[in-house]
Amino acid sequence: MNINKNTINKIAKLSYLEFNKKEEEEISKDLNRILEFVDKLNELDTKNVEPLIYIGVETNILREDEVKQDISKKEALKNAPHKDSDYFKVPKVL
């Protein structure tokens, strides 16, 4: 596959980008180099290689939920700059 001007224009349209002539040439060269690099992977013999499903062998390692410290509502509100009897007061965000 080769990247040409039509392909660059289509990519630009889909991504809402505009390129001048110099940028088109640079992008075309870069994309062609990328495709050449990826095409090198076709040279590898992968007949006896199984598809990779998971990168690592570890599964989710979860810890047990434990209550470390329990504080009362009064203690939680003690250092709040603005508070009501039961709530923290914060600026309205819309």
PDB file of N, CA and C in Angstrom:
ATOM      1  N   MET A   1       0.854  -1.183   0.000  1.00  0.00           N
ATOM      2  CA  MET A   1       0.000   0.000   0.000  1.00  0.00           C
ATOM      3  C   MET A   1       0.892   1.235   0.000  1.00  0.00           C
ATOM      4  N   ASN A   2       0.469   2.223  -0.742  1.00  0.00           N
ATOM      5  CA  ASN A   2       1.238   3.450  -0.827  1.00  0.00           C
ATOM      6  C   ASN A   2       0.319   4.635  -0.512  1.00  0.00           C
ATOM      7  N   ILE A   3       0.811   5.548   0.266  1.00  0.00           N
ATOM      8  CA  ILE A   3       0.037   6.736   0.622  1.00  0.00           C
ATOM      9  C   ILE A   3       0.228   7.771  -0.471  1.00  0.00           C
ATOM     10  N   ASN A   4      -0.874   8.210  -1.065  1.00  0.00           N
ATOM     11  CA  ASN A   4      -0.798   9.233  -2.096  1.00  0.00           C
ATOM     12  C   ASN A   4      -1.564  10.487  -1.654  1.00  0.00           C
ATOM     13  N   LYS A   5      -1.632  11.464  -2.551  1.00  0.00           N
ATOM     14  CA  LYS A   5      -2.270  12.735  -2.227  1.00  0.00           C
ATOM     15  C   LYS A   5      -3.749  12.552  -1.889  1.00  0.00           C
ATOM     16  N   ASN A   6      -4.428  11.661  -2.615  1.00  0.00           N
ATOM     17  CA  ASN A   6      -5.856  11.419  -2.348  1.00  0.00           C
ATOM     18  C   ASN A   6      -6.066  10.850  -0.947  1.00  0.00           C
ATOM     19  N   THR A   7      -5.197   9.947  -0.543  1.00  0.00           N
ATOM     20  CA  THR A   7      -5.299   9.362   0.801  1.00  0.00           C
ATOM     21  C   THR A   7      -5.075  10.430   1.869  1.00  0.00           C
ATOM     22  N   ILE A   8      -4.068  11.289   1.647  1.00  0.00           N
ATOM     23  CA  ILE A   8      -3.797  12.375   2.600  1.00  0.00           C
ATOM     24  C   ILE A   8      -5.001  13.302   2.695  1.00  0.00           C
ATOM     25  N   ASN A   9      -5.600  13.646   1.554  1.00  0.00           N
ATOM     26  CA  ASN A   9      -6.769  14.531   1.562  1.00  0.00           C
ATOM     27  C   ASN A   9      -7.957  13.894   2.279  1.00  0.00           C
ATOM     28  N   LYS A  10      -8.128  12.591   2.091  1.00  0.00           N
ATOM     29  CA  LYS A  10      -9.232  11.883   2.763  1.00  0.00           C
ATOM     30  C   LYS A  10      -9.008  11.869   4.282  1.00  0.00           C
ATOM     31  N   ILE A  11      -7.780  11.579   4.703  1.00  0.00           N
ATOM     32  CA  ILE A  11      -7.453  11.581   6.133  1.00  0.00           C
ATOM     33  C   ILE A  11      -7.657  12.978   6.716  1.00  0.00           C
ATOM     34  N   ALA A  12      -7.224  13.990   5.979  1.00  0.00           N
ATOM     35  CA  ALA A  12      -7.377  15.374   6.439  1.00  0.00           C
ATOM     36  C   ALA A  12      -8.847  15.725   6.599  1.00  0.00           C
ATOM     37  N   LYS A  13      -9.662  15.317   5.637  1.00  0.00           N
ATOM     38  CA  LYS A  13     -11.103  15.617   5.708  1.00  0.00           C
ATOM     39  C   LYS A  13     -11.754  14.913   6.896  1.00  0.00           C
ATOM     40  N   LEU A  14     -11.408  13.636   7.091  1.00  0.00           N
ATOM     41  CA  LEU A  14     -11.993  12.868   8.193  1.00  0.00           C
ATOM     42  C   LEU A  14     -11.584  13.406   9.560  1.00  0.00           C
ATOM     43  N   SER A  15     -10.377  13.975   9.638  1.00  0.00           N
ATOM     44  CA  SER A  15      -9.887  14.462  10.930  1.00  0.00           C
ATOM     45  C   SER A  15     -10.004  15.974  11.060  1.00  0.00           C
ATOM     46  N   TYR A  16     -10.684  16.600  10.110  1.00  0.00           N
ATOM     47  CA  TYR A  16     -10.889  18.053  10.132  1.00  0.00           C
ATOM     48  C   TYR A  16      -9.561  18.813  10.243  1.00  0.00           C
ATOM     49  N   LEU A  17      -8.584  18.392   9.422  1.00  0.00           N
ATOM     50  CA  LEU A  17      -7.282  19.056   9.382  1.00  0.00           C
ATOM     51  C   LEU A  17      -7.069  19.654   8.002  1.00  0.00           C
ATOM     52  N   GLU A  18      -6.228  20.658   7.960  1.00  0.00           N
ATOM     53  CA  GLU A  18      -5.858  21.256   6.685  1.00  0.00           C
ATOM     54  C   GLU A  18      -4.342  21.242   6.578  1.00  0.00           C
ATOM     55  N   PHE A  19      -3.825  20.813   5.417  1.00  0.00           N
ATOM     56  CA  PHE A  19      -2.391  20.737   5.193  1.00  0.00           C
ATOM     57  C   PHE A  19      -2.023  21.572   3.979  1.00  0.00           C
ATOM     58  N   ASN A  20      -0.899  22.268   4.068  1.00  0.00           N
ATOM     59  CA  ASN A  20      -0.377  22.910   2.873  1.00  0.00           C
ATOM     60  C   ASN A  20       0.450  21.876   2.106  1.00  0.00           C
ATOM     61  N   LYS A  21       0.999  22.262   0.947  1.00  0.00           N
ATOM     62  CA  LYS A  21       1.735  21.309   0.090  1.00  0.00           C
ATOM     63  C   LYS A  21       2.913  20.666   0.810  1.00  0.00           C
ATOM     64  N   LYS A  22       3.681  21.500   1.545  1.00  0.00           N
ATOM     65  CA  LYS A  22       4.858  20.975   2.242  1.00  0.00           C
ATOM     66  C   LYS A  22       4.450  19.966   3.317  1.00  0.00           C
ATOM     67  N   GLU A  23       3.403  20.288   4.066  1.00  0.00           N
ATOM     68  CA  GLU A  23       2.931  19.382   5.121  1.00  0.00           C
ATOM     69  C   GLU A  23       2.407  18.081   4.517  1.00  0.00           C
ATOM     70  N   GLU A  24       1.711  18.183   3.375  1.00  0.00           N
ATOM     71  CA  GLU A  24       1.223  16.972   2.711  1.00  0.00           C
ATOM     72  C   GLU A  24       2.367  16.043   2.351  1.00  0.00           C
ATOM     73  N   GLU A  25       3.444  16.619   1.818  1.00  0.00           N
ATOM     74  CA  GLU A  25       4.596  15.810   1.439  1.00  0.00           C
ATOM     75  C   GLU A  25       5.240  15.153   2.654  1.00  0.00           C
ATOM     76  N   GLU A  26       5.389  15.917   3.743  1.00  0.00           N
ATOM     77  CA  GLU A  26       5.994  15.369   4.955  1.00  0.00           C
ATOM     78  C   GLU A  26       5.132  14.263   5.549  1.00  0.00           C
ATOM     79  N   ILE A  27       3.830  14.477   5.593  1.00  0.00           N
ATOM     80  CA  ILE A  27       2.924  13.471   6.151  1.00  0.00           C
ATOM     81  C   ILE A  27       2.928  12.225   5.272  1.00  0.00           C
ATOM     82  N   SER A  28       2.958  12.431   3.969  1.00  0.00           N
ATOM     83  CA  SER A  28       2.997  11.292   3.060  1.00  0.00           C
ATOM     84  C   SER A  28       4.266  10.461   3.287  1.00  0.00           C
ATOM     85  N   LYS A  29       5.411  11.124   3.431  1.00  0.00           N
ATOM     86  CA  LYS A  29       6.659  10.411   3.705  1.00  0.00           C
ATOM     87  C   LYS A  29       6.585   9.668   5.034  1.00  0.00           C
ATOM     88  N   ASP A  30       6.081  10.340   6.075  1.00  0.00           N
ATOM     89  CA  ASP A  30       5.981   9.707   7.396  1.00  0.00           C
ATOM     90  C   ASP A  30       5.072   8.479   7.363  1.00  0.00           C
ATOM     91  N   LEU A  31       3.895   8.618   6.756  1.00  0.00           N
ATOM     92  CA  LEU A  31       2.961   7.491   6.711  1.00  0.00           C
ATOM     93  C   LEU A  31       3.520   6.337   5.878  1.00  0.00           C
ATOM     94  N   ASN A  32       4.216   6.657   4.787  1.00  0.00           N
ATOM     95  CA  ASN A  32       4.833   5.593   3.990  1.00  0.00           C
ATOM     96  C   ASN A  32       5.923   4.876   4.769  1.00  0.00           C
ATOM     97  N   ARG A  33       6.695   5.614   5.567  1.00  0.00           N
ATOM     98  CA  ARG A  33       7.719   4.979   6.412  1.00  0.00           C
ATOM     99  C   ARG A  33       7.072   4.070   7.450  1.00  0.00           C
ATOM    100  N   ILE A  34       5.968   4.519   8.029  1.00  0.00           N
ATOM    101  CA  ILE A  34       5.248   3.696   9.011  1.00  0.00           C
ATOM    102  C   ILE A  34       4.765   2.412   8.356  1.00  0.00           C
ATOM    103  N   LEU A  35       4.171   2.530   7.169  1.00  0.00           N
ATOM    104  CA  LEU A  35       3.682   1.338   6.474  1.00  0.00           C
ATOM    105  C   LEU A  35       4.812   0.388   6.104  1.00  0.00           C
ATOM    106  N   GLU A  36       5.957   0.925   5.721  1.00  0.00           N
ATOM    107  CA  GLU A  36       7.108   0.078   5.412  1.00  0.00           C
ATOM    108  C   GLU A  36       7.566  -0.677   6.658  1.00  0.00           C
ATOM    109  N   PHE A  37       7.557   0.005   7.784  1.00  0.00           N
ATOM    110  CA  PHE A  37       7.961  -0.639   9.035  1.00  0.00           C
ATOM    111  C   PHE A  37       6.991  -1.761   9.395  1.00  0.00           C
ATOM    112  N   VAL A  38       5.706  -1.486   9.309  1.00  0.00           N
ATOM    113  CA  VAL A  38       4.706  -2.502   9.634  1.00  0.00           C
ATOM    114  C   VAL A  38       4.782  -3.657   8.635  1.00  0.00           C
ATOM    115  N   ASP A  39       5.067  -3.347   7.377  1.00  0.00           N
ATOM    116  CA  ASP A  39       5.179  -4.384   6.362  1.00  0.00           C
ATOM    117  C   ASP A  39       6.342  -5.333   6.642  1.00  0.00           C
ATOM    118  N   LYS A  40       7.371  -4.852   7.328  1.00  0.00           N
ATOM    119  CA  LYS A  40       8.504  -5.707   7.713  1.00  0.00           C
ATOM    120  C   LYS A  40       8.036  -6.856   8.595  1.00  0.00           C
ATOM    121  N   LEU A  41       6.972  -6.646   9.354  1.00  0.00           N
ATOM    122  CA  LEU A  41       6.459  -7.705  10.223  1.00  0.00           C
ATOM    123  C   LEU A  41       5.976  -8.907   9.424  1.00  0.00           C
ATOM    124  N   ASN A  42       5.604  -8.682   8.160  1.00  0.00           N
ATOM    125  CA  ASN A  42       5.161  -9.801   7.317  1.00  0.00           C
ATOM    126  C   ASN A  42       6.306 -10.749   6.990  1.00  0.00           C
ATOM    127  N   GLU A  43       7.540 -10.320   7.183  1.00  0.00           N
ATOM    128  CA  GLU A  43       8.694 -11.170   6.919  1.00  0.00           C
ATOM    129  C   GLU A  43       8.902 -12.221   8.014  1.00  0.00           C
ATOM    130  N   LEU A  44       8.290 -12.024   9.157  1.00  0.00           N
ATOM    131  CA  LEU A  44       8.466 -12.944  10.279  1.00  0.00           C
ATOM    132  C   LEU A  44       7.640 -14.202  10.076  1.00  0.00           C
ATOM    133  N   ASP A  45       8.206 -15.332  10.480  1.00  0.00           N
ATOM    134  CA  ASP A  45       7.487 -16.597  10.423  1.00  0.00           C
ATOM    135  C   ASP A  45       6.679 -16.745  11.710  1.00  0.00           C
ATOM    136  N   THR A  46       5.374 -16.694  11.583  1.00  0.00           N
ATOM    137  CA  THR A  46       4.500 -16.772  12.766  1.00  0.00           C
ATOM    138  C   THR A  46       3.594 -18.009  12.714  1.00  0.00           C
ATOM    139  N   LYS A  47       4.004 -19.032  11.957  1.00  0.00           N
ATOM    140  CA  LYS A  47       3.164 -20.226  11.818  1.00  0.00           C
ATOM    141  C   LYS A  47       2.930 -20.933  13.145  1.00  0.00           C
ATOM    142  N   ASN A  48       3.953 -21.051  13.984  1.00  0.00           N
ATOM    143  CA  ASN A  48       3.830 -21.796  15.235  1.00  0.00           C
ATOM    144  C   ASN A  48       3.651 -20.890  16.450  1.00  0.00           C
ATOM    145  N   VAL A  49       3.244 -19.663  16.224  1.00  0.00           N
ATOM    146  CA  VAL A  49       3.046 -18.721  17.321  1.00  0.00           C
ATOM    147  C   VAL A  49       1.556 -18.588  17.586  1.00  0.00           C
ATOM    148  N   GLU A  50       1.181 -18.870  18.823  1.00  0.00           N
ATOM    149  CA  GLU A  50      -0.228 -18.747  19.174  1.00  0.00           C
ATOM    150  C   GLU A  50      -0.591 -17.287  19.382  1.00  0.00           C
ATOM    151  N   PRO A  51      -1.829 -16.911  19.079  1.00  0.00           N
ATOM    152  CA  PRO A  51      -2.249 -15.523  19.300  1.00  0.00           C
ATOM    153  C   PRO A  51      -2.149 -15.158  20.774  1.00  0.00           C
ATOM    154  N   LEU A  52      -1.753 -13.940  21.028  1.00  0.00           N
ATOM    155  CA  LEU A  52      -1.606 -13.456  22.399  1.00  0.00           C
ATOM    156  C   LEU A  52      -2.943 -12.909  22.875  1.00  0.00           C
ATOM    157  N   ILE A  53      -3.434 -13.482  23.952  1.00  0.00           N
ATOM    158  CA  ILE A  53      -4.704 -13.019  24.498  1.00  0.00           C
ATOM    159  C   ILE A  53      -4.450 -12.038  25.627  1.00  0.00           C
ATOM    160  N   TYR A  54      -3.531 -12.391  26.529  1.00  0.00           N
ATOM    161  CA  TYR A  54      -3.223 -11.541  27.670  1.00  0.00           C
ATOM    162  C   TYR A  54      -1.740 -11.200  27.646  1.00  0.00           C
ATOM    163  N   ILE A  55      -1.411  -9.959  27.969  1.00  0.00           N
ATOM    164  CA  ILE A  55      -0.012  -9.536  28.003  1.00  0.00           C
ATOM    165  C   ILE A  55       0.713 -10.203  29.172  1.00  0.00           C
ATOM    166  N   GLY A  56       0.121 -10.168  30.337  1.00  0.00           N
ATOM    167  CA  GLY A  56       0.746 -10.741  31.521  1.00  0.00           C
ATOM    168  C   GLY A  56       0.034 -11.997  31.960  1.00  0.00           C
ATOM    169  N   VAL A  57       0.674 -12.729  32.855  1.00  0.00           N
ATOM    170  CA  VAL A  57       0.070 -13.966  33.350  1.00  0.00           C
ATOM    171  C   VAL A  57      -0.747 -13.720  34.611  1.00  0.00           C
ATOM    172  N   GLU A  58      -0.600 -12.542  35.182  1.00  0.00           N
ATOM    173  CA  GLU A  58      -1.315 -12.244  36.419  1.00  0.00           C
ATOM    174  C   GLU A  58      -2.749 -11.832  36.124  1.00  0.00           C
ATOM    175  N   THR A  59      -3.622 -12.234  37.019  1.00  0.00           N
ATOM    176  CA  THR A  59      -5.007 -11.782  36.926  1.00  0.00           C
ATOM    177  C   THR A  59      -5.192 -10.692  37.974  1.00  0.00           C
ATOM    178  N   ASN A  60      -6.404 -10.235  38.114  1.00  0.00           N
ATOM    179  CA  ASN A  60      -6.652  -9.179  39.085  1.00  0.00           C
ATOM    180  C   ASN A  60      -6.229  -9.621  40.480  1.00  0.00           C
ATOM    181  N   ILE A  61      -5.340  -8.852  41.063  1.00  0.00           N
ATOM    182  CA  ILE A  61      -4.903  -9.131  42.418  1.00  0.00           C
ATOM    183  C   ILE A  61      -5.550  -8.074  43.299  1.00  0.00           C
ATOM    184  N   LEU A  62      -6.527  -8.489  44.044  1.00  0.00           N
ATOM    185  CA  LEU A  62      -7.297  -7.550  44.858  1.00  0.00           C
ATOM    186  C   LEU A  62      -7.023  -7.800  46.330  1.00  0.00           C
ATOM    187  N   ARG A  63      -7.074  -6.746  47.088  1.00  0.00           N
ATOM    188  CA  ARG A  63      -6.912  -6.891  48.534  1.00  0.00           C
ATOM    189  C   ARG A  63      -8.297  -6.892  49.170  1.00  0.00           C
ATOM    190  N   GLU A  64      -8.365  -7.384  50.347  1.00  0.00           N
ATOM    191  CA  GLU A  64      -9.609  -7.362  51.087  1.00  0.00           C
ATOM    192  C   GLU A  64      -9.908  -5.937  51.529  1.00  0.00           C
ATOM    193  N   ASP A  65     -11.165  -5.552  51.479  1.00  0.00           N
ATOM    194  CA  ASP A  65     -11.560  -4.237  51.970  1.00  0.00           C
ATOM    195  C   ASP A  65     -11.552  -4.258  53.489  1.00  0.00           C
ATOM    196  N   GLU A  66     -10.784  -3.336  54.043  1.00  0.00           N
ATOM    197  CA  GLU A  66     -10.718  -3.244  55.496  1.00  0.00           C
ATOM    198  C   GLU A  66     -10.904  -1.780  55.889  1.00  0.00           C
ATOM    199  N   VAL A  67     -11.643  -1.572  56.955  1.00  0.00           N
ATOM    200  CA  VAL A  67     -11.796  -0.218  57.475  1.00  0.00           C
ATOM    201  C   VAL A  67     -10.529   0.110  58.247  1.00  0.00           C
ATOM    202  N   LYS A  68      -9.795   1.120  57.777  1.00  0.00           N
ATOM    203  CA  LYS A  68      -8.539   1.485  58.426  1.00  0.00           C
ATOM    204  C   LYS A  68      -8.766   2.453  59.581  1.00  0.00           C
ATOM    205  N   GLN A  69      -9.605   3.456  59.312  1.00  0.00           N
ATOM    206  CA  GLN A  69      -9.846   4.453  60.346  1.00  0.00           C
ATOM    207  C   GLN A  69     -11.255   4.974  60.150  1.00  0.00           C
ATOM    208  N   ASP A  70     -12.011   5.011  61.194  1.00  0.00           N
ATOM    209  CA  ASP A  70     -13.378   5.495  61.118  1.00  0.00           C
ATOM    210  C   ASP A  70     -13.450   6.802  61.900  1.00  0.00           C
ATOM    211  N   ILE A  71     -13.903   7.862  61.208  1.00  0.00           N
ATOM    212  CA  ILE A  71     -14.028   9.143  61.916  1.00  0.00           C
ATOM    213  C   ILE A  71     -15.488   9.554  61.914  1.00  0.00           C
ATOM    214  N   SER A  72     -15.821  10.328  62.891  1.00  0.00           N
ATOM    215  CA  SER A  72     -17.205  10.777  63.009  1.00  0.00           C
ATOM    216  C   SER A  72     -17.446  11.960  62.079  1.00  0.00           C
ATOM    217  N   LYS A  73     -18.714  12.292  61.883  1.00  0.00           N
ATOM    218  CA  LYS A  73     -19.079  13.438  61.066  1.00  0.00           C
ATOM    219  C   LYS A  73     -18.497  14.714  61.655  1.00  0.00           C
ATOM    220  N   LYS A  74     -18.533  14.818  62.967  1.00  0.00           N
ATOM    221  CA  LYS A  74     -18.015  16.010  63.656  1.00  0.00           C
ATOM    222  C   LYS A  74     -16.514  16.164  63.396  1.00  0.00           C
ATOM    223  N   GLU A  75     -15.765  15.060  63.476  1.00  0.00           N
ATOM    224  CA  GLU A  75     -14.326  15.113  63.224  1.00  0.00           C
ATOM    225  C   GLU A  75     -14.028  15.460  61.760  1.00  0.00           C
ATOM    226  N   ALA A  76     -14.833  14.943  60.839  1.00  0.00           N
ATOM    227  CA  ALA A  76     -14.626  15.216  59.418  1.00  0.00           C
ATOM    228  C   ALA A  76     -14.862  16.686  59.106  1.00  0.00           C
ATOM    229  N   LEU A  77     -15.839  17.291  59.737  1.00  0.00           N
ATOM    230  CA  LEU A  77     -16.174  18.689  59.473  1.00  0.00           C
ATOM    231  C   LEU A  77     -15.333  19.671  60.285  1.00  0.00           C
ATOM    232  N   LYS A  78     -14.546  19.167  61.217  1.00  0.00           N
ATOM    233  CA  LYS A  78     -13.813  20.018  62.155  1.00  0.00           C
ATOM    234  C   LYS A  78     -12.907  21.024  61.444  1.00  0.00           C
ATOM    235  N   ASN A  79     -12.164  20.626  60.431  1.00  0.00           N
ATOM    236  CA  ASN A  79     -11.213  21.511  59.766  1.00  0.00           C
ATOM    237  C   ASN A  79     -11.725  22.087  58.447  1.00  0.00           C
ATOM    238  N   ALA A  80     -13.006  21.894  58.153  1.00  0.00           N
ATOM    239  CA  ALA A  80     -13.558  22.414  56.904  1.00  0.00           C
ATOM    240  C   ALA A  80     -13.657  23.929  56.971  1.00  0.00           C
ATOM    241  N   PRO A  81     -13.222  24.651  55.923  1.00  0.00           N
ATOM    242  CA  PRO A  81     -13.306  26.112  55.949  1.00  0.00           C
ATOM    243  C   PRO A  81     -14.741  26.620  55.944  1.00  0.00           C
ATOM    244  N   HIS A  82     -15.622  25.918  55.215  1.00  0.00           N
ATOM    245  CA  HIS A  82     -17.040  26.308  55.181  1.00  0.00           C
ATOM    246  C   HIS A  82     -17.865  25.050  55.392  1.00  0.00           C
ATOM    247  N   LYS A  83     -18.751  25.114  56.364  1.00  0.00           N
ATOM    248  CA  LYS A  83     -19.551  23.926  56.664  1.00  0.00           C
ATOM    249  C   LYS A  83     -20.912  24.326  57.191  1.00  0.00           C
ATOM    250  N   ASP A  84     -21.824  23.404  57.088  1.00  0.00           N
ATOM    251  CA  ASP A  84     -23.141  23.515  57.674  1.00  0.00           C
ATOM    252  C   ASP A  84     -23.139  22.522  58.830  1.00  0.00           C
ATOM    253  N   SER A  85     -24.243  22.291  59.439  1.00  0.00           N
ATOM    254  CA  SER A  85     -24.251  21.369  60.564  1.00  0.00           C
ATOM    255  C   SER A  85     -23.885  19.940  60.137  1.00  0.00           C
ATOM    256  N   ASP A  86     -24.243  19.550  58.908  1.00  0.00           N
ATOM    257  CA  ASP A  86     -24.001  18.183  58.450  1.00  0.00           C
ATOM    258  C   ASP A  86     -23.200  18.084  57.158  1.00  0.00           C
ATOM    259  N   TYR A  87     -22.889  19.220  56.513  1.00  0.00           N
ATOM    260  CA  TYR A  87     -22.323  19.163  55.157  1.00  0.00           C
ATOM    261  C   TYR A  87     -21.140  20.113  54.997  1.00  0.00           C
ATOM    262  N   PHE A  88     -20.279  19.781  54.022  1.00  0.00           N
ATOM    263  CA  PHE A  88     -19.251  20.712  53.590  1.00  0.00           C
ATOM    264  C   PHE A  88     -19.935  21.691  52.646  1.00  0.00           C
ATOM    265  N   LYS A  89     -19.613  22.979  52.749  1.00  0.00           N
ATOM    266  CA  LYS A  89     -20.130  23.970  51.826  1.00  0.00           C
ATOM    267  C   LYS A  89     -19.047  24.261  50.786  1.00  0.00           C
ATOM    268  N   VAL A  90     -19.434  24.164  49.521  1.00  0.00           N
ATOM    269  CA  VAL A  90     -18.502  24.426  48.437  1.00  0.00           C
ATOM    270  C   VAL A  90     -19.156  25.385  47.447  1.00  0.00           C
ATOM    271  N   PRO A  91     -18.340  26.078  46.641  1.00  0.00           N
ATOM    272  CA  PRO A  91     -18.923  26.977  45.650  1.00  0.00           C
ATOM    273  C   PRO A  91     -19.777  26.201  44.630  1.00  0.00           C
ATOM    274  N   LYS A  92     -20.811  26.845  44.144  1.00  0.00           N
ATOM    275  CA  LYS A  92     -21.681  26.229  43.163  1.00  0.00           C
ATOM    276  C   LYS A  92     -20.918  26.088  41.853  1.00  0.00           C
ATOM    277  N   VAL A  93     -20.990  24.908  41.250  1.00  0.00           N
ATOM    278  CA  VAL A  93     -20.311  24.643  39.986  1.00  0.00           C
ATOM    279  C   VAL A  93     -21.377  24.209  38.989  1.00  0.00           C
ATOM    280  N   LEU A  94     -21.467  24.936  37.897  1.00  0.00           N
ATOM    281  CA  LEU A  94     -22.442  24.595  36.860  1.00  0.00           C
ATOM    282  C   LEU A  94     -21.740  24.364  35.562  1.00  0.00           C
TER     283      LEU A  94
END
